[in-house]
Amino acid sequence: MKLFTGLRQIREFERRQLPFLKSVIDFDIVIEIGYAEEQEQPLTLKQLFLLNLSSRTTVRRKLARLIEQGIVMRRKHANDHRTSLLTISASTVRLLGKYCGTVTTISACHFN
């Protein structure tokens, strides 16, 4: 088992392919929005705040950057036009799928 070789490969992939995830909070925001979308219950901004990932100010600032980069998308709620739903862009979902495949492969090689 080469633990640190595998961890290093994962981290190299993250730096190259996921530069928009600059912190653990960025990663948490993307994961929570994607998970809710996967469960067919997209999050609102208020629901994201209620997850207590960090302070509201930090979450708002990091979310604004992710939206500006096209990682997270905002769309109007079908029934309540005052509310926006948060979703992950299709290109980011594909990239994260590739990331999961890479982590799985590296894990199989190094973490048995």
C-alpha atoms as a PDB file:
ATOM      1  CA  MET A   1       0.000   0.000   0.000  1.00  0.00           C
ATOM      2  CA  LYS A   2       1.385   3.374  -1.023  1.00  0.00           C
ATOM      3  CA  LEU A   3      -0.881   5.733   0.825  1.00  0.00           C
ATOM      4  CA  PHE A   4       0.873   9.003   0.113  1.00  0.00           C
ATOM      5  CA  THR A   5       1.518   8.151  -3.528  1.00  0.00           C
ATOM      6  CA  GLY A   6      -2.221   7.697  -4.010  1.00  0.00           C
ATOM      7  CA  LEU A   7      -3.112  10.824  -2.038  1.00  0.00           C
ATOM      8  CA  ARG A   8      -0.589  12.817  -4.051  1.00  0.00           C
ATOM      9  CA  GLN A   9      -2.102  11.613  -7.346  1.00  0.00           C
ATOM     10  CA  ILE A  10      -5.594  12.575  -6.165  1.00  0.00           C
ATOM     11  CA  ARG A  11      -4.405  16.006  -5.088  1.00  0.00           C
ATOM     12  CA  GLU A  12      -2.595  16.571  -8.409  1.00  0.00           C
ATOM     13  CA  PHE A  13      -5.826  15.752 -10.258  1.00  0.00           C
ATOM     14  CA  GLU A  14      -7.752  18.183  -8.044  1.00  0.00           C
ATOM     15  CA  ARG A  15      -5.277  21.012  -8.700  1.00  0.00           C
ATOM     16  CA  ARG A  16      -5.275  20.411 -12.475  1.00  0.00           C
ATOM     17  CA  GLN A  17      -8.920  19.614 -13.119  1.00  0.00           C
ATOM     18  CA  LEU A  18     -10.820  21.281 -10.263  1.00  0.00           C
ATOM     19  CA  PRO A  19      -9.108  24.669  -9.784  1.00  0.00           C
ATOM     20  CA  PHE A  20     -12.457  26.284  -8.932  1.00  0.00           C
ATOM     21  CA  LEU A  21     -12.594  24.291  -5.688  1.00  0.00           C
ATOM     22  CA  LYS A  22     -10.196  26.478  -3.741  1.00  0.00           C
ATOM     23  CA  SER A  23     -11.307  25.411  -0.264  1.00  0.00           C
ATOM     24  CA  VAL A  24     -13.152  22.693   1.597  1.00  0.00           C
ATOM     25  CA  ILE A  25     -16.145  25.043   1.828  1.00  0.00           C
ATOM     26  CA  ASP A  26     -16.221  25.405  -1.981  1.00  0.00           C
ATOM     27  CA  PHE A  27     -16.225  21.620  -2.243  1.00  0.00           C
ATOM     28  CA  ASP A  28     -18.953  21.341   0.422  1.00  0.00           C
ATOM     29  CA  ILE A  29     -21.165  23.871  -1.386  1.00  0.00           C
ATOM     30  CA  VAL A  30     -20.858  22.023  -4.700  1.00  0.00           C
ATOM     31  CA  ILE A  31     -21.453  18.630  -3.072  1.00  0.00           C
ATOM     32  CA  GLU A  32     -24.535  19.774  -1.135  1.00  0.00           C
ATOM     33  CA  ILE A  33     -26.092  21.494  -4.160  1.00  0.00           C
ATOM     34  CA  GLY A  34     -25.345  18.467  -6.347  1.00  0.00           C
ATOM     35  CA  TYR A  35     -26.669  16.023  -3.764  1.00  0.00           C
ATOM     36  CA  ALA A  36     -29.933  17.930  -3.395  1.00  0.00           C
ATOM     37  CA  GLU A  37     -30.287  18.079  -7.164  1.00  0.00           C
ATOM     38  CA  GLU A  38     -29.583  14.343  -7.401  1.00  0.00           C
ATOM     39  CA  GLN A  39     -32.387  13.778  -4.870  1.00  0.00           C
ATOM     40  CA  GLU A  40     -34.642  15.878  -7.169  1.00  0.00           C
ATOM     41  CA  GLN A  41     -34.984  18.550  -4.464  1.00  0.00           C
ATOM     42  CA  PRO A  42     -32.729  21.442  -5.586  1.00  0.00           C
ATOM     43  CA  LEU A  43     -31.626  23.785  -2.811  1.00  0.00           C
ATOM     44  CA  THR A  44     -32.620  27.392  -2.339  1.00  0.00           C
ATOM     45  CA  LEU A  45     -30.124  29.873  -0.952  1.00  0.00           C
ATOM     46  CA  LYS A  46     -31.879  29.752   2.430  1.00  0.00           C
ATOM     47  CA  GLN A  47     -31.652  25.954   2.543  1.00  0.00           C
ATOM     48  CA  LEU A  48     -27.952  26.165   1.718  1.00  0.00           C
ATOM     49  CA  PHE A  49     -27.435  28.580   4.617  1.00  0.00           C
ATOM     50  CA  LEU A  50     -29.321  26.238   6.968  1.00  0.00           C
ATOM     51  CA  LEU A  51     -26.756  23.488   6.302  1.00  0.00           C
ATOM     52  CA  ASN A  52     -24.295  25.545   8.403  1.00  0.00           C
ATOM     53  CA  LEU A  53     -21.336  24.890   6.109  1.00  0.00           C
ATOM     54  CA  SER A  54     -19.806  28.163   7.267  1.00  0.00           C
ATOM     55  CA  SER A  55     -20.942  31.678   8.094  1.00  0.00           C
ATOM     56  CA  ARG A  56     -23.624  33.152   5.842  1.00  0.00           C
ATOM     57  CA  THR A  57     -21.173  35.772   4.597  1.00  0.00           C
ATOM     58  CA  THR A  58     -18.594  33.159   3.621  1.00  0.00           C
ATOM     59  CA  VAL A  59     -21.149  30.918   1.921  1.00  0.00           C
ATOM     60  CA  ARG A  60     -22.640  33.905   0.059  1.00  0.00           C
ATOM     61  CA  ARG A  61     -19.195  35.085  -1.121  1.00  0.00           C
ATOM     62  CA  LYS A  62     -18.033  31.630  -2.205  1.00  0.00           C
ATOM     63  CA  LEU A  63     -21.355  30.866  -3.891  1.00  0.00           C
ATOM     64  CA  ALA A  64     -21.190  34.154  -5.821  1.00  0.00           C
ATOM     65  CA  ARG A  65     -17.750  33.173  -7.127  1.00  0.00           C
ATOM     66  CA  LEU A  66     -18.945  29.685  -8.120  1.00  0.00           C
ATOM     67  CA  ILE A  67     -21.934  31.218  -9.943  1.00  0.00           C
ATOM     68  CA  GLU A  68     -19.693  33.749 -11.702  1.00  0.00           C
ATOM     69  CA  GLN A  69     -17.447  30.908 -12.896  1.00  0.00           C
ATOM     70  CA  GLY A  70     -20.428  28.934 -14.222  1.00  0.00           C
ATOM     71  CA  ILE A  71     -19.962  26.062 -11.763  1.00  0.00           C
ATOM     72  CA  VAL A  72     -23.269  26.672  -9.981  1.00  0.00           C
ATOM     73  CA  MET A  73     -26.361  27.830 -11.861  1.00  0.00           C
ATOM     74  CA  ARG A  74     -29.351  29.744 -10.528  1.00  0.00           C
ATOM     75  CA  ARG A  75     -32.790  29.178 -11.969  1.00  0.00           C
ATOM     76  CA  LYS A  76     -36.208  30.434 -10.977  1.00  0.00           C
ATOM     77  CA  HIS A  77     -38.458  28.121  -9.017  1.00  0.00           C
ATOM     78  CA  ALA A  78     -41.316  26.937 -11.240  1.00  0.00           C
ATOM     79  CA  ASN A  79     -44.030  27.671  -8.671  1.00  0.00           C
ATOM     80  CA  ASP A  80     -42.510  30.569  -6.739  1.00  0.00           C
ATOM     81  CA  HIS A  81     -40.756  33.081  -8.970  1.00  0.00           C
ATOM     82  CA  ARG A  82     -39.362  34.909  -5.941  1.00  0.00           C
ATOM     83  CA  THR A  83     -37.155  31.910  -5.176  1.00  0.00           C
ATOM     84  CA  SER A  84     -34.069  30.747  -7.041  1.00  0.00           C
ATOM     85  CA  LEU A  85     -32.963  27.128  -7.104  1.00  0.00           C
ATOM     86  CA  LEU A  86     -29.282  26.227  -7.156  1.00  0.00           C
ATOM     87  CA  THR A  87     -27.989  23.555  -9.527  1.00  0.00           C
ATOM     88  CA  ILE A  88     -24.598  22.360 -10.756  1.00  0.00           C
ATOM     89  CA  SER A  89     -23.733  22.994 -14.413  1.00  0.00           C
ATOM     90  CA  ALA A  90     -23.682  19.960 -16.703  1.00  0.00           C
ATOM     91  CA  SER A  91     -19.992  20.444 -17.537  1.00  0.00           C
ATOM     92  CA  THR A  92     -19.117  20.472 -13.831  1.00  0.00           C
ATOM     93  CA  VAL A  93     -21.163  17.311 -13.226  1.00  0.00           C
ATOM     94  CA  ARG A  94     -19.174  15.584 -16.015  1.00  0.00           C
ATOM     95  CA  LEU A  95     -15.888  16.812 -14.550  1.00  0.00           C
ATOM     96  CA  LEU A  96     -16.812  15.600 -11.057  1.00  0.00           C
ATOM     97  CA  GLY A  97     -17.811  12.238 -12.559  1.00  0.00           C
ATOM     98  CA  LYS A  98     -14.327  12.029 -14.055  1.00  0.00           C
ATOM     99  CA  TYR A  99     -12.896  12.961 -10.648  1.00  0.00           C
ATOM    100  CA  CYS A 100     -14.823  10.111  -8.965  1.00  0.00           C
ATOM    101  CA  GLY A 101     -13.548   7.665 -11.589  1.00  0.00           C
ATOM    102  CA  THR A 102      -9.985   8.822 -11.008  1.00  0.00           C
ATOM    103  CA  VAL A 103     -10.326   8.535  -7.226  1.00  0.00           C
ATOM    104  CA  THR A 104     -11.789   5.032  -7.625  1.00  0.00           C
ATOM    105  CA  THR A 105      -8.920   3.948  -9.876  1.00  0.00           C
ATOM    106  CA  ILE A 106      -6.253   5.415  -7.622  1.00  0.00           C
ATOM    107  CA  SER A 107      -7.931   3.905  -4.553  1.00  0.00           C
ATOM    108  CA  ALA A 108      -7.963   0.461  -6.140  1.00  0.00           C
ATOM    109  CA  CYS A 109      -4.246   0.723  -6.934  1.00  0.00           C
ATOM    110  CA  HIS A 110      -2.934   2.243  -3.718  1.00  0.00           C
ATOM    111  CA  PHE A 111      -5.364   1.753  -0.839  1.00  0.00           C
ATOM    112  CA  ASN A 112      -5.996  -2.002  -0.745  1.00  0.00           C
END
